[in-house]
Amino acid sequence: MRRPLIICAFMARRERRFIAMKAGLIGLAAAAAVLAAPMAPAAPAFGAIAATPTSSTVSVDGKPIAFDSYNINDYNYFKIRDVAFALNGGAKRFAIAWDAVGNAMTLTPGAAYAPTGEEMASKGSEKKTAALSTQAVRLVENMDKIPISAYNIDGYNYFKLRDLGAVLDLGVGWDGGKNAISIDSSKGYVESQAVDALDKAIAEAIIAGFGDLHGGGDFPLQSHITLKVATDGSVTTAYATALYQVYNKKGGKLEQGVGVSTSVAITLEKDGAGKYKLIEFWIPEVGDRYIPSIQKKFPKDLWDLSYSQYFGSTLRADVLKQASNIKL
């Protein structure tokens, strides 16, 4: 994950080497997607696994709150109605509508949440059985299903907290020393993530790669969310969803230029000093070659995320915030 990185076009260009660069391009997408939640009890789907009550403390905007949450496969899953209840009244509030006939829920960011009285129930201390849910989750005014996994526990759907943060543009933090999870409605998801040398190298590769294809303008900006990292010795490949947006100075004002939103695969090699060198910058082909090219390049568990503009609203919000901080 990453925080904002701004690189001006008038800075000296770094030497870049791209072994494989596709000429295709996905136009800037305006789709926003949001996460889902349990409404009425839903029948478990298949593949039961163990769910252990979350041992971490959880705070929302600095206040400790006891959530009905579980750890599944080393990730923390929360009941979405509890998250909506905890955020109600704030800037990141969202409403939930349930369609029993279509077995689907629709989220409306910015709208007030209507409590049902079942929120914030105690999870107890015993392990539970979780099964993948078949419910569809959609964003208001967008009928596309959000490609996320939810687990059904005792008739309620639970979602990975980081997925919720990414789609709702909600700050999600982790303090390993204190075993503490934080939810921060004053921050966006991307800006709440830690930045390390690898993340910085990914951001620089996005700026350089799309800049070579489409020009850097006066202020090329980028935002990305890393979906998965694969490492083999000194070589690392990061699979991410990215937004590249150019801004230009015109008549004393900031004017939006070319923008690109697509999946990327960035391969880097780490030297003995811990610095990363770009080996490959890859983007999918366009048109009817888009899906086959993703399937050939990306791990199978990322295909659904790569086909959609699942993270679109979060990436756009991050870039817009960067642009607002540019001094002309």
C-alpha atoms as a PDB file:
ATOM      1  CA  MET A   1       0.000   0.000   0.000  1.00  0.00           C
ATOM      2  CA  ARG A   2       1.220   3.520  -0.323  1.00  0.00           C
ATOM      3  CA  ARG A   3       1.075   7.121   0.642  1.00  0.00           C
ATOM      4  CA  PRO A   4       1.015  10.004  -1.852  1.00  0.00           C
ATOM      5  CA  LEU A   5       4.082  10.496  -4.043  1.00  0.00           C
ATOM      6  CA  ILE A   6       4.455  13.547  -6.287  1.00  0.00           C
ATOM      7  CA  ILE A   7       7.176  13.724  -8.924  1.00  0.00           C
ATOM      8  CA  CYS A   8       7.419  16.837 -11.097  1.00  0.00           C
ATOM      9  CA  ALA A   9       8.174  16.424 -14.778  1.00  0.00           C
ATOM     10  CA  PHE A  10      10.894  19.051 -14.769  1.00  0.00           C
ATOM     11  CA  MET A  11      13.016  16.937 -12.402  1.00  0.00           C
ATOM     12  CA  ALA A  12      15.875  15.028 -13.996  1.00  0.00           C
ATOM     13  CA  ARG A  13      14.582  11.748 -15.388  1.00  0.00           C
ATOM     14  CA  ARG A  14      16.032   8.616 -13.951  1.00  0.00           C
ATOM     15  CA  GLU A  15      17.495   6.024 -16.292  1.00  0.00           C
ATOM     16  CA  ARG A  16      14.792   3.443 -16.903  1.00  0.00           C
ATOM     17  CA  ARG A  17      14.840   0.035 -18.479  1.00  0.00           C
ATOM     18  CA  PHE A  18      11.653  -1.773 -19.389  1.00  0.00           C
ATOM     19  CA  ILE A  19      12.057  -5.341 -20.598  1.00  0.00           C
ATOM     20  CA  ALA A  20       8.338  -5.821 -21.248  1.00  0.00           C
ATOM     21  CA  MET A  21       5.902  -3.008 -21.661  1.00  0.00           C
ATOM     22  CA  LYS A  22       2.508  -3.477 -23.248  1.00  0.00           C
ATOM     23  CA  ALA A  23       1.192  -0.721 -25.460  1.00  0.00           C
ATOM     24  CA  GLY A  24      -2.335  -1.150 -24.222  1.00  0.00           C
ATOM     25  CA  LEU A  25      -4.071   1.295 -21.943  1.00  0.00           C
ATOM     26  CA  ILE A  26      -7.207   1.336 -19.862  1.00  0.00           C
ATOM     27  CA  GLY A  27      -8.954   4.724 -19.780  1.00  0.00           C
ATOM     28  CA  LEU A  28      -9.457   6.511 -16.479  1.00  0.00           C
ATOM     29  CA  ALA A  29     -12.347   4.802 -14.744  1.00  0.00           C
ATOM     30  CA  ALA A  30     -14.875   6.504 -12.564  1.00  0.00           C
ATOM     31  CA  ALA A  31     -16.314   3.423 -11.014  1.00  0.00           C
ATOM     32  CA  ALA A  32     -16.417   3.250  -7.244  1.00  0.00           C
ATOM     33  CA  ALA A  33     -17.118   0.110  -5.341  1.00  0.00           C
ATOM     34  CA  VAL A  34     -17.937  -0.490  -1.754  1.00  0.00           C
ATOM     35  CA  LEU A  35     -17.970  -3.366   0.591  1.00  0.00           C
ATOM     36  CA  ALA A  36     -20.663  -5.440   1.904  1.00  0.00           C
ATOM     37  CA  ALA A  37     -22.403  -6.463   4.988  1.00  0.00           C
ATOM     38  CA  PRO A  38     -24.719  -8.801   6.691  1.00  0.00           C
ATOM     39  CA  MET A  39     -28.344  -7.968   6.562  1.00  0.00           C
ATOM     40  CA  ALA A  40     -30.790 -10.759   7.142  1.00  0.00           C
ATOM     41  CA  PRO A  41     -29.186 -14.093   8.019  1.00  0.00           C
ATOM     42  CA  ALA A  42     -27.862 -15.870   4.954  1.00  0.00           C
ATOM     43  CA  ALA A  43     -27.155 -19.542   4.538  1.00  0.00           C
ATOM     44  CA  PRO A  44     -23.489 -20.542   4.455  1.00  0.00           C
ATOM     45  CA  ALA A  45     -22.189 -21.464   1.049  1.00  0.00           C
ATOM     46  CA  PHE A  46     -19.379 -24.012   1.084  1.00  0.00           C
ATOM     47  CA  GLY A  47     -15.963 -24.788   2.541  1.00  0.00           C
ATOM     48  CA  ALA A  48     -16.283 -24.443   6.309  1.00  0.00           C
ATOM     49  CA  ILE A  49     -13.143 -23.256   8.130  1.00  0.00           C
ATOM     50  CA  ALA A  50     -12.262 -22.137  11.661  1.00  0.00           C
ATOM     51  CA  ALA A  51     -12.908 -18.577  12.858  1.00  0.00           C
ATOM     52  CA  THR A  52     -11.187 -17.476  16.068  1.00  0.00           C
ATOM     53  CA  PRO A  53     -12.364 -14.422  18.049  1.00  0.00           C
ATOM     54  CA  THR A  54     -10.028 -11.486  17.341  1.00  0.00           C
ATOM     55  CA  SER A  55      -7.612 -10.962  20.228  1.00  0.00           C
ATOM     56  CA  SER A  56      -6.558  -7.465  19.114  1.00  0.00           C
ATOM     57  CA  THR A  57      -7.991  -4.330  20.648  1.00  0.00           C
ATOM     58  CA  VAL A  58      -9.880  -2.100  18.214  1.00  0.00           C
ATOM     59  CA  SER A  59     -10.353   1.659  18.262  1.00  0.00           C
ATOM     60  CA  VAL A  60     -12.464   3.935  16.077  1.00  0.00           C
ATOM     61  CA  ASP A  61     -11.210   7.514  15.818  1.00  0.00           C
ATOM     62  CA  GLY A  62      -9.193   6.955  18.986  1.00  0.00           C
ATOM     63  CA  LYS A  63     -12.009   5.444  21.065  1.00  0.00           C
ATOM     64  CA  PRO A  64     -11.817   1.753  22.054  1.00  0.00           C
ATOM     65  CA  ILE A  65     -14.764  -0.302  20.818  1.00  0.00           C
ATOM     66  CA  ALA A  66     -15.494  -4.014  21.317  1.00  0.00           C
ATOM     67  CA  PHE A  67     -16.416  -5.493  17.934  1.00  0.00           C
ATOM     68  CA  ASP A  68     -17.883  -8.875  17.071  1.00  0.00           C
ATOM     69  CA  SER A  69     -14.845  -9.792  14.951  1.00  0.00           C
ATOM     70  CA  TYR A  70     -12.978 -12.962  14.021  1.00  0.00           C
ATOM     71  CA  ASN A  71      -9.599 -14.000  12.689  1.00  0.00           C
ATOM     72  CA  ILE A  72      -9.835 -16.180   9.598  1.00  0.00           C
ATOM     73  CA  ASN A  73      -6.676 -17.306   7.794  1.00  0.00           C
ATOM     74  CA  ASP A  74      -4.645 -14.654   9.662  1.00  0.00           C
ATOM     75  CA  TYR A  75      -6.944 -11.786   8.617  1.00  0.00           C
ATOM     76  CA  ASN A  76      -9.440  -9.928  10.787  1.00  0.00           C
ATOM     77  CA  TYR A  77     -13.054 -10.062   9.641  1.00  0.00           C
ATOM     78  CA  PHE A  78     -15.746  -7.696  10.921  1.00  0.00           C
ATOM     79  CA  LYS A  79     -19.519  -7.696  10.706  1.00  0.00           C
ATOM     80  CA  ILE A  80     -20.246  -4.848   8.330  1.00  0.00           C
ATOM     81  CA  ARG A  81     -23.309  -3.677  10.226  1.00  0.00           C
ATOM     82  CA  ASP A  82     -21.081  -3.135  13.250  1.00  0.00           C
ATOM     83  CA  VAL A  83     -18.674  -1.036  11.192  1.00  0.00           C
ATOM     84  CA  ALA A  84     -21.555   1.001   9.740  1.00  0.00           C
ATOM     85  CA  PHE A  85     -22.959   1.505  13.249  1.00  0.00           C
ATOM     86  CA  ALA A  86     -19.594   2.660  14.635  1.00  0.00           C
ATOM     87  CA  LEU A  87     -19.089   5.148  11.768  1.00  0.00           C
ATOM     88  CA  ASN A  88     -22.646   6.475  11.716  1.00  0.00           C
ATOM     89  CA  GLY A  89     -22.838  10.258  11.949  1.00  0.00           C
ATOM     90  CA  GLY A  90     -19.315  10.806  10.635  1.00  0.00           C
ATOM     91  CA  ALA A  91     -17.802  11.678   7.268  1.00  0.00           C
ATOM     92  CA  LYS A  92     -17.298   8.020   6.300  1.00  0.00           C
ATOM     93  CA  ARG A  93     -20.765   6.794   7.233  1.00  0.00           C
ATOM     94  CA  PHE A  94     -22.620   4.488   4.858  1.00  0.00           C
ATOM     95  CA  ALA A  95     -26.085   2.987   4.580  1.00  0.00           C
ATOM     96  CA  ILE A  96     -26.888  -0.662   3.891  1.00  0.00           C
ATOM     97  CA  ALA A  97     -29.904  -1.909   1.927  1.00  0.00           C
ATOM     98  CA  TRP A  98     -30.819  -5.582   1.744  1.00  0.00           C
ATOM     99  CA  ASP A  99     -32.495  -7.358  -1.192  1.00  0.00           C
ATOM    100  CA  ALA A 100     -33.725 -10.734   0.050  1.00  0.00           C
ATOM    101  CA  VAL A 101     -35.003 -11.830  -3.362  1.00  0.00           C
ATOM    102  CA  GLY A 102     -31.716 -11.088  -5.102  1.00  0.00           C
ATOM    103  CA  ASN A 103     -29.622 -12.203  -2.108  1.00  0.00           C
ATOM    104  CA  ALA A 104     -27.670  -8.967  -2.376  1.00  0.00           C
ATOM    105  CA  MET A 105     -26.808  -5.883  -0.348  1.00  0.00           C
ATOM    106  CA  THR A 106     -26.199  -2.356  -1.581  1.00  0.00           C
ATOM    107  CA  LEU A 107     -24.005   0.199   0.161  1.00  0.00           C
ATOM    108  CA  THR A 108     -24.541   3.948  -0.066  1.00  0.00           C
ATOM    109  CA  PRO A 109     -21.500   5.990   1.078  1.00  0.00           C
ATOM    110  CA  GLY A 110     -22.374   9.244   2.821  1.00  0.00           C
ATOM    111  CA  ALA A 111     -25.899   8.150   3.763  1.00  0.00           C
ATOM    112  CA  ALA A 112     -26.991   7.571   7.355  1.00  0.00           C
ATOM    113  CA  TYR A 113     -27.060   3.997   8.589  1.00  0.00           C
ATOM    114  CA  ALA A 114     -30.362   2.712  10.028  1.00  0.00           C
ATOM    115  CA  PRO A 115     -29.593   0.428  13.023  1.00  0.00           C
ATOM    116  CA  THR A 116     -31.498  -2.843  13.386  1.00  0.00           C
ATOM    117  CA  GLY A 117     -30.771  -3.369  17.072  1.00  0.00           C
ATOM    118  CA  GLU A 118     -28.506  -6.346  16.393  1.00  0.00           C
ATOM    119  CA  GLU A 119     -25.285  -4.342  16.171  1.00  0.00           C
ATOM    120  CA  MET A 120     -22.241  -4.730  18.458  1.00  0.00           C
ATOM    121  CA  ALA A 121     -23.259  -8.080  19.933  1.00  0.00           C
ATOM    122  CA  SER A 122     -20.607  -9.855  21.968  1.00  0.00           C
ATOM    123  CA  LYS A 123     -18.640 -12.466  20.013  1.00  0.00           C
ATOM    124  CA  GLY A 124     -17.860 -14.573  23.045  1.00  0.00           C
ATOM    125  CA  SER A 125     -14.615 -16.509  23.380  1.00  0.00           C
ATOM    126  CA  GLU A 126     -15.258 -19.759  21.522  1.00  0.00           C
ATOM    127  CA  LYS A 127     -14.177 -20.633  18.001  1.00  0.00           C
ATOM    128  CA  LYS A 128     -16.841 -20.640  15.308  1.00  0.00           C
ATOM    129  CA  THR A 129     -17.298 -22.277  11.926  1.00  0.00           C
ATOM    130  CA  ALA A 130     -17.124 -19.945   8.932  1.00  0.00           C
ATOM    131  CA  ALA A 131     -18.181 -20.649   5.352  1.00  0.00           C
ATOM    132  CA  LEU A 132     -17.809 -18.552   2.215  1.00  0.00           C
ATOM    133  CA  SER A 133     -20.938 -16.501   1.570  1.00  0.00           C
ATOM    134  CA  THR A 134     -22.864 -16.388  -1.698  1.00  0.00           C
ATOM    135  CA  GLN A 135     -24.334 -12.921  -1.143  1.00  0.00           C
ATOM    136  CA  ALA A 136     -23.578 -10.246  -3.697  1.00  0.00           C
ATOM    137  CA  VAL A 137     -22.456  -6.777  -2.626  1.00  0.00           C
ATOM    138  CA  ARG A 138     -22.957  -3.691  -4.756  1.00  0.00           C
ATOM    139  CA  LEU A 139     -22.457   0.036  -4.592  1.00  0.00           C
ATOM    140  CA  VAL A 140     -25.492   2.266  -5.050  1.00  0.00           C
ATOM    141  CA  GLU A 141     -26.108   3.138  -8.718  1.00  0.00           C
ATOM    142  CA  ASN A 142     -23.682   0.405  -9.776  1.00  0.00           C
ATOM    143  CA  MET A 143     -25.065  -3.079 -10.350  1.00  0.00           C
ATOM    144  CA  ASP A 144     -21.661  -4.698 -10.756  1.00  0.00           C
ATOM    145  CA  LYS A 145     -20.901  -7.171  -7.992  1.00  0.00           C
ATOM    146  CA  ILE A 146     -17.912  -6.190  -5.861  1.00  0.00           C
ATOM    147  CA  PRO A 147     -15.369  -9.045  -6.127  1.00  0.00           C
ATOM    148  CA  ILE A 148     -14.631  -9.628  -2.453  1.00  0.00           C
ATOM    149  CA  SER A 149     -14.836 -12.691  -0.243  1.00  0.00           C
ATOM    150  CA  ALA A 150     -17.155 -12.722   2.750  1.00  0.00           C
ATOM    151  CA  TYR A 151     -17.572 -15.400   5.378  1.00  0.00           C
ATOM    152  CA  ASN A 152     -20.830 -16.412   6.968  1.00  0.00           C
ATOM    153  CA  ILE A 153     -20.762 -17.063  10.725  1.00  0.00           C
ATOM    154  CA  ASP A 154     -23.980 -17.874  12.564  1.00  0.00           C
ATOM    155  CA  GLY A 155     -26.035 -16.402   9.712  1.00  0.00           C
ATOM    156  CA  TYR A 156     -24.149 -13.092   9.420  1.00  0.00           C
ATOM    157  CA  ASN A 157     -21.600 -11.989   6.851  1.00  0.00           C
ATOM    158  CA  TYR A 158     -18.141 -10.857   7.920  1.00  0.00           C
ATOM    159  CA  PHE A 159     -15.683  -8.954   5.733  1.00  0.00           C
ATOM    160  CA  LYS A 160     -11.946  -8.388   5.845  1.00  0.00           C
ATOM    161  CA  LEU A 161     -11.381  -5.031   7.551  1.00  0.00           C
ATOM    162  CA  ARG A 162      -8.690  -3.995   5.068  1.00  0.00           C
ATOM    163  CA  ASP A 163     -11.101  -4.685   2.199  1.00  0.00           C
ATOM    164  CA  LEU A 164     -13.645  -2.429   3.852  1.00  0.00           C
ATOM    165  CA  GLY A 165     -11.028   0.260   4.301  1.00  0.00           C
ATOM    166  CA  ALA A 166      -9.873   0.078   0.693  1.00  0.00           C
ATOM    167  CA  VAL A 167     -13.348   0.355  -0.789  1.00  0.00           C
ATOM    168  CA  LEU A 168     -14.757   2.896   1.657  1.00  0.00           C
ATOM    169  CA  ASP A 169     -11.497   4.910   1.638  1.00  0.00           C
ATOM    170  CA  LEU A 170     -11.225   4.431   5.376  1.00  0.00           C
ATOM    171  CA  GLY A 171      -7.967   4.579   7.328  1.00  0.00           C
ATOM    172  CA  VAL A 172      -7.042   1.179   8.784  1.00  0.00           C
ATOM    173  CA  GLY A 173      -3.931   0.868  10.944  1.00  0.00           C
ATOM    174  CA  TRP A 174      -2.086  -1.853  12.824  1.00  0.00           C
ATOM    175  CA  ASP A 175       0.267  -1.623  15.810  1.00  0.00           C
ATOM    176  CA  GLY A 176       1.990  -4.981  16.227  1.00  0.00           C
ATOM    177  CA  GLY A 177       3.648  -3.983  19.487  1.00  0.00           C
ATOM    178  CA  LYS A 178       0.319  -3.190  21.095  1.00  0.00           C
ATOM    179  CA  ASN A 179      -1.679  -5.811  19.163  1.00  0.00           C
ATOM    180  CA  ALA A 180      -4.050  -2.997  18.254  1.00  0.00           C
ATOM    181  CA  ILE A 181      -6.215  -2.254  15.216  1.00  0.00           C
ATOM    182  CA  SER A 182      -7.258   1.320  14.484  1.00  0.00           C
ATOM    183  CA  ILE A 183     -10.031   2.640  12.250  1.00  0.00           C
ATOM    184  CA  ASP A 184      -9.630   6.324  11.361  1.00  0.00           C
ATOM    185  CA  SER A 185     -12.428   8.123   9.509  1.00  0.00           C
ATOM    186  CA  SER A 186     -10.280  11.254   9.148  1.00  0.00           C
ATOM    187  CA  LYS A 187      -7.858   9.444   6.852  1.00  0.00           C
ATOM    188  CA  GLY A 188      -8.118   7.776   3.487  1.00  0.00           C
ATOM    189  CA  TYR A 189      -7.142   4.138   3.117  1.00  0.00           C
ATOM    190  CA  VAL A 190      -4.006   4.752   1.060  1.00  0.00           C
ATOM    191  CA  GLU A 191      -2.630   7.509   3.281  1.00  0.00           C
ATOM    192  CA  SER A 192      -3.016   5.307   6.369  1.00  0.00           C
ATOM    193  CA  GLN A 193      -0.656   2.662   4.975  1.00  0.00           C
ATOM    194  CA  ALA A 194       3.031   2.455   5.804  1.00  0.00           C
ATOM    195  CA  VAL A 195       5.555   3.291   3.077  1.00  0.00           C
ATOM    196  CA  ASP A 196       8.753   1.249   2.751  1.00  0.00           C
ATOM    197  CA  ALA A 197      11.506   1.017   0.127  1.00  0.00           C
ATOM    198  CA  LEU A 198       9.552  -1.470  -1.983  1.00  0.00           C
ATOM    199  CA  ASP A 199       6.406   0.647  -1.955  1.00  0.00           C
ATOM    200  CA  LYS A 200       8.363   3.728  -2.960  1.00  0.00           C
ATOM    201  CA  ALA A 201       9.967   1.802  -5.824  1.00  0.00           C
ATOM    202  CA  ILE A 202       6.522   0.684  -7.013  1.00  0.00           C
ATOM    203  CA  ALA A 203       5.273   4.270  -6.973  1.00  0.00           C
ATOM    204  CA  GLU A 204       8.316   5.500  -8.888  1.00  0.00           C
ATOM    205  CA  ALA A 205       7.872   2.751 -11.496  1.00  0.00           C
ATOM    206  CA  ILE A 206       4.244   3.788 -12.060  1.00  0.00           C
ATOM    207  CA  ILE A 207       5.235   7.420 -12.565  1.00  0.00           C
ATOM    208  CA  ALA A 208       8.102   6.475 -14.888  1.00  0.00           C
ATOM    209  CA  GLY A 209       6.212   3.809 -16.854  1.00  0.00           C
ATOM    210  CA  PHE A 210       3.096   5.804 -17.631  1.00  0.00           C
ATOM    211  CA  GLY A 211       5.180   8.946 -18.064  1.00  0.00           C
ATOM    212  CA  ASP A 212       7.135   7.271 -20.866  1.00  0.00           C
ATOM    213  CA  LEU A 213       3.902   6.168 -22.518  1.00  0.00           C
ATOM    214  CA  HIS A 214       1.860   9.343 -22.162  1.00  0.00           C
ATOM    215  CA  GLY A 215       4.115  12.130 -20.945  1.00  0.00           C
ATOM    216  CA  GLY A 216       4.637  13.456 -17.463  1.00  0.00           C
ATOM    217  CA  GLY A 217       3.220  16.959 -17.768  1.00  0.00           C
ATOM    218  CA  ASP A 218       4.029  19.448 -15.036  1.00  0.00           C
ATOM    219  CA  PHE A 219       2.812  17.340 -12.110  1.00  0.00           C
ATOM    220  CA  PRO A 220       2.464  13.571 -12.684  1.00  0.00           C
ATOM    221  CA  LEU A 221       0.761  11.910  -9.706  1.00  0.00           C
ATOM    222  CA  GLN A 222       0.053   8.313  -8.846  1.00  0.00           C
ATOM    223  CA  SER A 223      -1.798   6.223  -6.312  1.00  0.00           C
ATOM    224  CA  HIS A 224      -1.757   2.455  -6.015  1.00  0.00           C
ATOM    225  CA  ILE A 225      -2.821  -0.424  -3.828  1.00  0.00           C
ATOM    226  CA  THR A 226      -0.599  -3.496  -3.848  1.00  0.00           C
ATOM    227  CA  LEU A 227      -2.716  -6.633  -4.072  1.00  0.00           C
ATOM    228  CA  LYS A 228       0.048  -9.210  -3.755  1.00  0.00           C
ATOM    229  CA  VAL A 229       3.844  -9.480  -3.699  1.00  0.00           C
ATOM    230  CA  ALA A 230       5.810 -12.511  -4.949  1.00  0.00           C
ATOM    231  CA  THR A 231       9.516 -12.779  -4.141  1.00  0.00           C
ATOM    232  CA  ASP A 232      12.076 -15.148  -5.611  1.00  0.00           C
ATOM    233  CA  GLY A 233      15.541 -14.477  -4.221  1.00  0.00           C
ATOM    234  CA  SER A 234      16.434 -10.874  -4.977  1.00  0.00           C
ATOM    235  CA  VAL A 235      13.607 -10.445  -7.512  1.00  0.00           C
ATOM    236  CA  THR A 236      10.170  -9.206  -6.427  1.00  0.00           C
ATOM    237  CA  THR A 237       7.008  -8.832  -8.487  1.00  0.00           C
ATOM    238  CA  ALA A 238       4.250  -6.586  -7.140  1.00  0.00           C
ATOM    239  CA  TYR A 239       0.721  -6.988  -8.496  1.00  0.00           C
ATOM    240  CA  ALA A 240      -1.217  -3.773  -7.979  1.00  0.00           C
ATOM    241  CA  THR A 241      -4.081  -1.602  -9.109  1.00  0.00           C
ATOM    242  CA  ALA A 242      -2.950   1.895  -9.988  1.00  0.00           C
ATOM    243  CA  LEU A 243      -4.102   5.342 -11.021  1.00  0.00           C
ATOM    244  CA  TYR A 244      -1.782   7.685 -12.934  1.00  0.00           C
ATOM    245  CA  GLN A 245      -3.012  11.266 -13.300  1.00  0.00           C
ATOM    246  CA  VAL A 246      -1.220  14.229 -14.862  1.00  0.00           C
ATOM    247  CA  TYR A 247      -1.824  17.850 -13.869  1.00  0.00           C
ATOM    248  CA  ASN A 248      -0.482  20.877 -15.735  1.00  0.00           C
ATOM    249  CA  LYS A 249      -0.027  24.488 -14.759  1.00  0.00           C
ATOM    250  CA  LYS A 250      -2.027  26.699 -17.122  1.00  0.00           C
ATOM    251  CA  GLY A 251      -2.808  30.369 -16.653  1.00  0.00           C
ATOM    252  CA  GLY A 252      -1.870  30.219 -12.990  1.00  0.00           C
ATOM    253  CA  LYS A 253      -4.272  27.329 -12.412  1.00  0.00           C
ATOM    254  CA  LEU A 254      -3.991  23.562 -12.166  1.00  0.00           C
ATOM    255  CA  GLU A 255      -5.500  21.727 -15.118  1.00  0.00           C
ATOM    256  CA  GLN A 256      -6.141  17.988 -15.248  1.00  0.00           C
ATOM    257  CA  GLY A 257      -4.426  16.128 -18.078  1.00  0.00           C
ATOM    258  CA  VAL A 258      -4.139  12.501 -19.128  1.00  0.00           C
ATOM    259  CA  GLY A 259      -5.270   9.868 -16.654  1.00  0.00           C
ATOM    260  CA  VAL A 260      -4.891   6.092 -16.648  1.00  0.00           C
ATOM    261  CA  SER A 261      -6.424   3.537 -14.279  1.00  0.00           C
ATOM    262  CA  THR A 262      -5.478  -0.121 -14.661  1.00  0.00           C
ATOM    263  CA  SER A 263      -3.805  -3.129 -13.120  1.00  0.00           C
ATOM    264  CA  VAL A 264      -0.009  -3.267 -13.204  1.00  0.00           C
ATOM    265  CA  ALA A 265       2.661  -5.883 -12.541  1.00  0.00           C
ATOM    266  CA  ILE A 266       6.023  -4.436 -11.541  1.00  0.00           C
ATOM    267  CA  THR A 267       9.125  -6.607 -11.237  1.00  0.00           C
ATOM    268  CA  LEU A 268      12.104  -5.237  -9.327  1.00  0.00           C
ATOM    269  CA  GLU A 269      15.501  -6.555  -8.303  1.00  0.00           C
ATOM    270  CA  LYS A 270      17.001  -5.662  -4.942  1.00  0.00           C
ATOM    271  CA  ASP A 271      20.740  -5.111  -4.712  1.00  0.00           C
ATOM    272  CA  GLY A 272      23.062  -5.608  -1.749  1.00  0.00           C
ATOM    273  CA  ALA A 273      22.465  -2.048  -0.566  1.00  0.00           C
ATOM    274  CA  GLY A 274      18.709  -2.602  -0.402  1.00  0.00           C
ATOM    275  CA  LYS A 275      17.919  -0.501  -3.491  1.00  0.00           C
ATOM    276  CA  TYR A 276      15.433  -1.644  -6.109  1.00  0.00           C
ATOM    277  CA  LYS A 277      16.088  -1.676  -9.860  1.00  0.00           C
ATOM    278  CA  LEU A 278      13.165  -1.902 -12.281  1.00  0.00           C
ATOM    279  CA  ILE A 279      13.197  -5.068 -14.383  1.00  0.00           C
ATOM    280  CA  GLU A 280       9.722  -5.029 -15.906  1.00  0.00           C
ATOM    281  CA  PHE A 281       6.749  -2.660 -15.998  1.00  0.00           C
ATOM    282  CA  TRP A 282       3.690  -4.468 -17.293  1.00  0.00           C
ATOM    283  CA  ILE A 283       0.139  -3.326 -18.078  1.00  0.00           C
ATOM    284  CA  PRO A 284      -2.657  -5.432 -19.598  1.00  0.00           C
ATOM    285  CA  GLU A 285      -3.719  -5.270 -23.211  1.00  0.00           C
ATOM    286  CA  VAL A 286      -6.914  -3.480 -24.171  1.00  0.00           C
ATOM    287  CA  GLY A 287     -10.248  -4.582 -25.573  1.00  0.00           C
ATOM    288  CA  ASP A 288     -10.955  -8.287 -25.816  1.00  0.00           C
ATOM    289  CA  ARG A 289      -7.328  -9.040 -24.927  1.00  0.00           C
ATOM    290  CA  TYR A 290      -7.592  -7.441 -21.496  1.00  0.00           C
ATOM    291  CA  ILE A 291      -8.933 -10.426 -19.553  1.00  0.00           C
ATOM    292  CA  PRO A 292      -6.728 -13.049 -21.262  1.00  0.00           C
ATOM    293  CA  SER A 293      -3.630 -10.953 -20.644  1.00  0.00           C
ATOM    294  CA  ILE A 294      -4.526 -10.591 -16.942  1.00  0.00           C
ATOM    295  CA  GLN A 295      -5.126 -14.325 -16.652  1.00  0.00           C
ATOM    296  CA  LYS A 296      -1.739 -15.028 -18.185  1.00  0.00           C
ATOM    297  CA  LYS A 297       0.154 -12.598 -15.956  1.00  0.00           C
ATOM    298  CA  PHE A 298      -1.657 -12.370 -12.592  1.00  0.00           C
ATOM    299  CA  PRO A 299      -2.154 -15.060  -9.923  1.00  0.00           C
ATOM    300  CA  LYS A 300      -5.609 -16.605 -10.198  1.00  0.00           C
ATOM    301  CA  ASP A 301      -6.754 -15.309  -6.804  1.00  0.00           C
ATOM    302  CA  LEU A 302      -6.355 -11.739  -8.119  1.00  0.00           C
ATOM    303  CA  TRP A 303      -8.284 -12.117 -11.367  1.00  0.00           C
ATOM    304  CA  ASP A 304     -11.614 -10.773 -10.100  1.00  0.00           C
ATOM    305  CA  LEU A 305      -9.957  -7.773  -8.417  1.00  0.00           C
ATOM    306  CA  SER A 306      -8.040  -6.997 -11.592  1.00  0.00           C
ATOM    307  CA  TYR A 307     -11.099  -7.115 -13.860  1.00  0.00           C
ATOM    308  CA  SER A 308     -12.991  -4.446 -11.934  1.00  0.00           C
ATOM    309  CA  GLN A 309     -12.488  -0.860 -10.802  1.00  0.00           C
ATOM    310  CA  TYR A 310     -12.934  -2.116  -7.250  1.00  0.00           C
ATOM    311  CA  PHE A 311     -10.523   0.438  -5.748  1.00  0.00           C
ATOM    312  CA  GLY A 312     -11.406   3.323  -8.080  1.00  0.00           C
ATOM    313  CA  SER A 313     -12.924   5.738  -5.576  1.00  0.00           C
ATOM    314  CA  THR A 314     -10.102   5.300  -3.068  1.00  0.00           C
ATOM    315  CA  LEU A 315      -7.369   5.898  -5.652  1.00  0.00           C
ATOM    316  CA  ARG A 316      -9.122   8.974  -7.064  1.00  0.00           C
ATOM    317  CA  ALA A 317      -9.613  10.451  -3.606  1.00  0.00           C
ATOM    318  CA  ASP A 318      -5.903  10.006  -2.879  1.00  0.00           C
ATOM    319  CA  VAL A 319      -4.804  11.665  -6.134  1.00  0.00           C
ATOM    320  CA  LEU A 320      -7.226  14.560  -5.659  1.00  0.00           C
ATOM    321  CA  LYS A 321      -5.800  15.139  -2.188  1.00  0.00           C
ATOM    322  CA  GLN A 322      -2.276  15.189  -3.635  1.00  0.00           C
ATOM    323  CA  ALA A 323      -3.371  17.673  -6.294  1.00  0.00           C
ATOM    324  CA  SER A 324      -4.923  19.959  -3.670  1.00  0.00           C
ATOM    325  CA  ASN A 325      -1.527  20.224  -1.970  1.00  0.00           C
ATOM    326  CA  ILE A 326       0.360  21.304  -5.099  1.00  0.00           C
ATOM    327  CA  LYS A 327       1.769  24.814  -4.762  1.00  0.00           C
ATOM    328  CA  LEU A 328       1.681  26.773  -8.015  1.00  0.00           C
END
